[in-house]
Amino acid sequence: MLMALVVSTSVRAADGDIRGPDVTIIAGEERTIYEYRQGGELRMIKIVPNWGKPYFLVPRDRTTGFGDLERAEMLLPSWVLFEF
């Protein structure tokens, strides 16, 4: 069973309204997928499995596609090794 939820965030600046990314949350039985879109383009995909570490899908060649992951030839998993 898949469930999708769209969450929008917004930030107000002194010079006007600035919209943050639109986040689509797709909850599955084995993992939850977060799709981040800005200006209608898919910018980031985060996968949070029920077991294991969360990871991101990134384009194989970051120089093509102009930041839109839907135009990337291939997406590869990438893990965060450490944060501080």
N, C-alpha and C. Protein backbone atom coordinates (compact mmCIF):
# COMPACT_ATOMS: atom_id res chain seq x y z
N MET A 1 0.84 -1.17 0.00
CA MET A 1 0.00 0.00 0.00
C MET A 1 0.89 1.24 0.00
N LEU A 2 0.65 2.16 -0.90
CA LEU A 2 1.40 3.41 -0.97
C LEU A 2 0.49 4.56 -0.60
N MET A 3 1.05 5.51 0.12
CA MET A 3 0.30 6.68 0.51
C MET A 3 1.15 7.89 0.18
N ALA A 4 0.58 8.87 -0.47
CA ALA A 4 1.34 10.08 -0.83
C ALA A 4 0.77 11.27 -0.07
N LEU A 5 1.65 12.11 0.39
CA LEU A 5 1.28 13.30 1.12
C LEU A 5 2.16 14.43 0.60
N VAL A 6 1.54 15.55 0.23
CA VAL A 6 2.30 16.68 -0.28
C VAL A 6 2.34 17.75 0.81
N VAL A 7 3.53 18.18 1.13
CA VAL A 7 3.74 19.19 2.16
C VAL A 7 4.45 20.36 1.51
N SER A 8 3.95 21.56 1.71
CA SER A 8 4.60 22.75 1.18
C SER A 8 5.12 23.59 2.33
N THR A 9 6.31 24.10 2.16
CA THR A 9 6.86 25.01 3.15
C THR A 9 7.10 26.35 2.49
N SER A 10 7.01 27.40 3.24
CA SER A 10 7.27 28.71 2.67
C SER A 10 8.02 29.57 3.68
N VAL A 11 8.82 30.48 3.15
CA VAL A 11 9.61 31.38 3.97
C VAL A 11 9.32 32.79 3.49
N ARG A 12 9.13 33.71 4.39
CA ARG A 12 8.86 35.09 4.02
C ARG A 12 10.13 35.91 4.23
N ALA A 13 10.53 36.61 3.19
CA ALA A 13 11.71 37.47 3.26
C ALA A 13 11.28 38.92 3.19
N ALA A 14 12.21 39.83 3.47
CA ALA A 14 11.90 41.26 3.48
C ALA A 14 11.52 41.76 2.08
N ASP A 15 12.09 41.17 1.02
CA ASP A 15 11.82 41.64 -0.33
C ASP A 15 10.63 40.94 -0.99
N GLY A 16 9.93 40.08 -0.29
CA GLY A 16 8.75 39.42 -0.86
C GLY A 16 8.67 37.97 -0.44
N ASP A 17 7.75 37.27 -1.06
CA ASP A 17 7.56 35.86 -0.73
C ASP A 17 8.56 34.99 -1.48
N ILE A 18 9.16 34.07 -0.75
CA ILE A 18 10.05 33.08 -1.34
C ILE A 18 9.51 31.72 -0.94
N ARG A 19 9.21 30.90 -1.92
CA ARG A 19 8.70 29.56 -1.63
C ARG A 19 9.83 28.59 -1.46
N GLY A 20 9.68 27.73 -0.49
CA GLY A 20 10.63 26.65 -0.29
C GLY A 20 10.24 25.48 -1.19
N PRO A 21 10.94 24.37 -1.05
CA PRO A 21 10.64 23.22 -1.90
C PRO A 21 9.31 22.57 -1.54
N ASP A 22 8.66 21.98 -2.54
CA ASP A 22 7.50 21.14 -2.33
C ASP A 22 8.00 19.74 -2.04
N VAL A 23 7.49 19.14 -0.99
CA VAL A 23 7.94 17.80 -0.59
C VAL A 23 6.79 16.83 -0.75
N THR A 24 7.03 15.76 -1.53
CA THR A 24 6.07 14.68 -1.68
C THR A 24 6.58 13.50 -0.87
N ILE A 25 5.74 13.01 0.05
CA ILE A 25 6.12 11.88 0.90
C ILE A 25 5.34 10.66 0.43
N ILE A 26 6.07 9.62 0.06
CA ILE A 26 5.46 8.37 -0.40
C ILE A 26 5.81 7.30 0.61
N ALA A 27 4.82 6.90 1.42
CA ALA A 27 5.05 5.91 2.47
C ALA A 27 4.71 4.53 1.94
N GLY A 28 5.67 3.63 2.01
CA GLY A 28 5.47 2.25 1.60
C GLY A 28 5.64 1.31 2.78
N GLU A 29 5.51 0.03 2.52
CA GLU A 29 5.65 -0.95 3.60
C GLU A 29 7.09 -1.10 4.05
N GLU A 30 8.05 -0.96 3.12
CA GLU A 30 9.45 -1.19 3.45
C GLU A 30 10.28 0.08 3.53
N ARG A 31 9.75 1.20 3.01
CA ARG A 31 10.53 2.44 3.01
C ARG A 31 9.61 3.64 2.81
N THR A 32 10.14 4.82 3.14
CA THR A 32 9.45 6.09 2.89
C THR A 32 10.33 6.91 1.96
N ILE A 33 9.72 7.47 0.93
CA ILE A 33 10.45 8.24 -0.08
C ILE A 33 10.03 9.70 0.04
N TYR A 34 11.02 10.59 0.08
CA TYR A 34 10.78 12.03 0.11
C TYR A 34 11.29 12.61 -1.21
N GLU A 35 10.40 13.21 -1.99
CA GLU A 35 10.79 13.86 -3.24
C GLU A 35 10.70 15.37 -3.04
N TYR A 36 11.81 16.05 -3.25
CA TYR A 36 11.88 17.50 -3.08
C TYR A 36 11.88 18.16 -4.46
N ARG A 37 10.87 19.01 -4.71
CA ARG A 37 10.77 19.73 -5.98
C ARG A 37 10.83 21.23 -5.72
N GLN A 38 11.52 21.92 -6.62
CA GLN A 38 11.57 23.37 -6.56
C GLN A 38 11.41 23.90 -7.96
N GLY A 39 10.45 24.78 -8.15
CA GLY A 39 10.15 25.30 -9.47
C GLY A 39 9.65 24.21 -10.42
N GLY A 40 9.02 23.18 -9.88
CA GLY A 40 8.51 22.08 -10.69
C GLY A 40 9.54 21.04 -11.08
N GLU A 41 10.81 21.23 -10.70
CA GLU A 41 11.87 20.28 -11.05
C GLU A 41 12.25 19.45 -9.84
N LEU A 42 12.46 18.16 -10.05
CA LEU A 42 12.85 17.24 -9.00
C LEU A 42 14.31 17.49 -8.64
N ARG A 43 14.57 17.98 -7.41
CA ARG A 43 15.91 18.37 -7.01
C ARG A 43 16.61 17.34 -6.13
N MET A 44 15.85 16.61 -5.29
CA MET A 44 16.47 15.68 -4.36
C MET A 44 15.50 14.56 -4.03
N ILE A 45 16.01 13.34 -3.86
CA ILE A 45 15.22 12.19 -3.45
C ILE A 45 15.91 11.58 -2.24
N LYS A 46 15.16 11.45 -1.14
CA LYS A 46 15.69 10.83 0.07
C LYS A 46 14.88 9.57 0.34
N ILE A 47 15.57 8.47 0.57
CA ILE A 47 14.95 7.18 0.86
C ILE A 47 15.24 6.84 2.32
N VAL A 48 14.18 6.57 3.08
CA VAL A 48 14.34 6.17 4.48
C VAL A 48 13.76 4.77 4.62
N PRO A 49 14.64 3.74 4.61
CA PRO A 49 14.14 2.37 4.76
C PRO A 49 13.72 2.11 6.21
N ASN A 50 12.82 1.14 6.40
CA ASN A 50 12.42 0.77 7.75
C ASN A 50 13.59 0.18 8.53
N TRP A 51 14.52 -0.45 7.83
CA TRP A 51 15.71 -1.02 8.45
C TRP A 51 16.92 -0.52 7.69
N GLY A 52 17.87 0.06 8.37
CA GLY A 52 19.07 0.56 7.72
C GLY A 52 19.13 2.08 7.74
N LYS A 53 20.18 2.60 7.15
CA LYS A 53 20.42 4.04 7.14
C LYS A 53 19.70 4.71 5.96
N PRO A 54 19.22 5.95 6.16
CA PRO A 54 18.65 6.71 5.04
C PRO A 54 19.73 7.02 4.00
N TYR A 55 19.31 7.16 2.75
CA TYR A 55 20.25 7.52 1.68
C TYR A 55 19.55 8.41 0.67
N PHE A 56 20.35 9.03 -0.19
CA PHE A 56 19.86 9.93 -1.23
C PHE A 56 20.15 9.33 -2.59
N LEU A 57 19.31 9.61 -3.57
CA LEU A 57 19.59 9.23 -4.95
C LEU A 57 20.15 10.45 -5.65
N VAL A 58 21.33 10.30 -6.23
CA VAL A 58 22.01 11.40 -6.91
C VAL A 58 22.31 10.98 -8.34
N PRO A 59 22.41 11.94 -9.27
CA PRO A 59 22.72 11.58 -10.66
C PRO A 59 24.14 11.03 -10.79
N ARG A 60 24.30 10.09 -11.71
CA ARG A 60 25.62 9.52 -11.97
C ARG A 60 26.57 10.61 -12.47
N ASP A 61 26.09 11.43 -13.39
CA ASP A 61 26.89 12.53 -13.93
C ASP A 61 26.22 13.83 -13.49
N ARG A 62 26.80 14.50 -12.51
CA ARG A 62 26.19 15.72 -11.97
C ARG A 62 26.30 16.92 -12.88
N THR A 63 27.02 16.80 -13.98
CA THR A 63 27.20 17.93 -14.90
C THR A 63 26.09 18.01 -15.94
N THR A 64 25.23 16.98 -16.05
CA THR A 64 24.14 17.01 -17.02
C THR A 64 22.81 17.09 -16.29
N GLY A 65 21.77 17.52 -16.98
CA GLY A 65 20.44 17.56 -16.42
C GLY A 65 20.07 18.86 -15.74
N PHE A 66 21.04 19.76 -15.55
CA PHE A 66 20.79 21.08 -14.98
C PHE A 66 20.09 21.00 -13.62
N GLY A 67 20.38 19.98 -12.82
CA GLY A 67 19.82 19.87 -11.48
C GLY A 67 18.48 19.17 -11.39
N ASP A 68 17.84 18.88 -12.53
CA ASP A 68 16.56 18.19 -12.52
C ASP A 68 16.81 16.68 -12.59
N LEU A 69 16.49 15.97 -11.51
CA LEU A 69 16.79 14.54 -11.45
C LEU A 69 15.98 13.72 -12.44
N GLU A 70 14.85 14.24 -12.91
CA GLU A 70 14.06 13.52 -13.90
C GLU A 70 14.76 13.47 -15.26
N ARG A 71 15.72 14.37 -15.48
CA ARG A 71 16.48 14.38 -16.74
C ARG A 71 17.79 13.60 -16.64
N ALA A 72 18.12 13.11 -15.47
CA ALA A 72 19.38 12.38 -15.29
C ALA A 72 19.28 11.00 -15.92
N GLU A 73 20.39 10.54 -16.50
CA GLU A 73 20.42 9.23 -17.14
C GLU A 73 20.28 8.10 -16.12
N MET A 74 20.98 8.22 -15.00
CA MET A 74 20.99 7.16 -13.99
C MET A 74 21.16 7.79 -12.61
N LEU A 75 20.42 7.27 -11.62
CA LEU A 75 20.55 7.73 -10.25
C LEU A 75 21.24 6.66 -9.42
N LEU A 76 22.19 7.08 -8.60
CA LEU A 76 22.95 6.17 -7.76
C LEU A 76 22.72 6.51 -6.29
N PRO A 77 22.76 5.51 -5.40
CA PRO A 77 22.59 5.80 -3.97
C PRO A 77 23.82 6.48 -3.39
N SER A 78 23.58 7.36 -2.43
CA SER A 78 24.65 8.07 -1.75
C SER A 78 24.27 8.19 -0.28
N TRP A 79 25.17 7.78 0.64
CA TRP A 79 24.90 7.81 2.06
C TRP A 79 25.67 8.96 2.71
N VAL A 80 25.14 9.49 3.80
CA VAL A 80 25.84 10.47 4.62
C VAL A 80 26.73 9.69 5.56
N LEU A 81 28.04 9.92 5.51
CA LEU A 81 28.98 9.16 6.33
C LEU A 81 29.06 9.71 7.75
N PHE A 82 29.06 11.03 7.91
CA PHE A 82 29.05 11.62 9.23
C PHE A 82 28.52 13.02 9.13
N GLU A 83 27.97 13.50 10.25
CA GLU A 83 27.46 14.88 10.36
C GLU A 83 27.95 15.46 11.66
N PHE A 84 28.10 16.77 11.69
CA PHE A 84 28.47 17.42 12.94
C PHE A 84 27.78 18.75 13.03
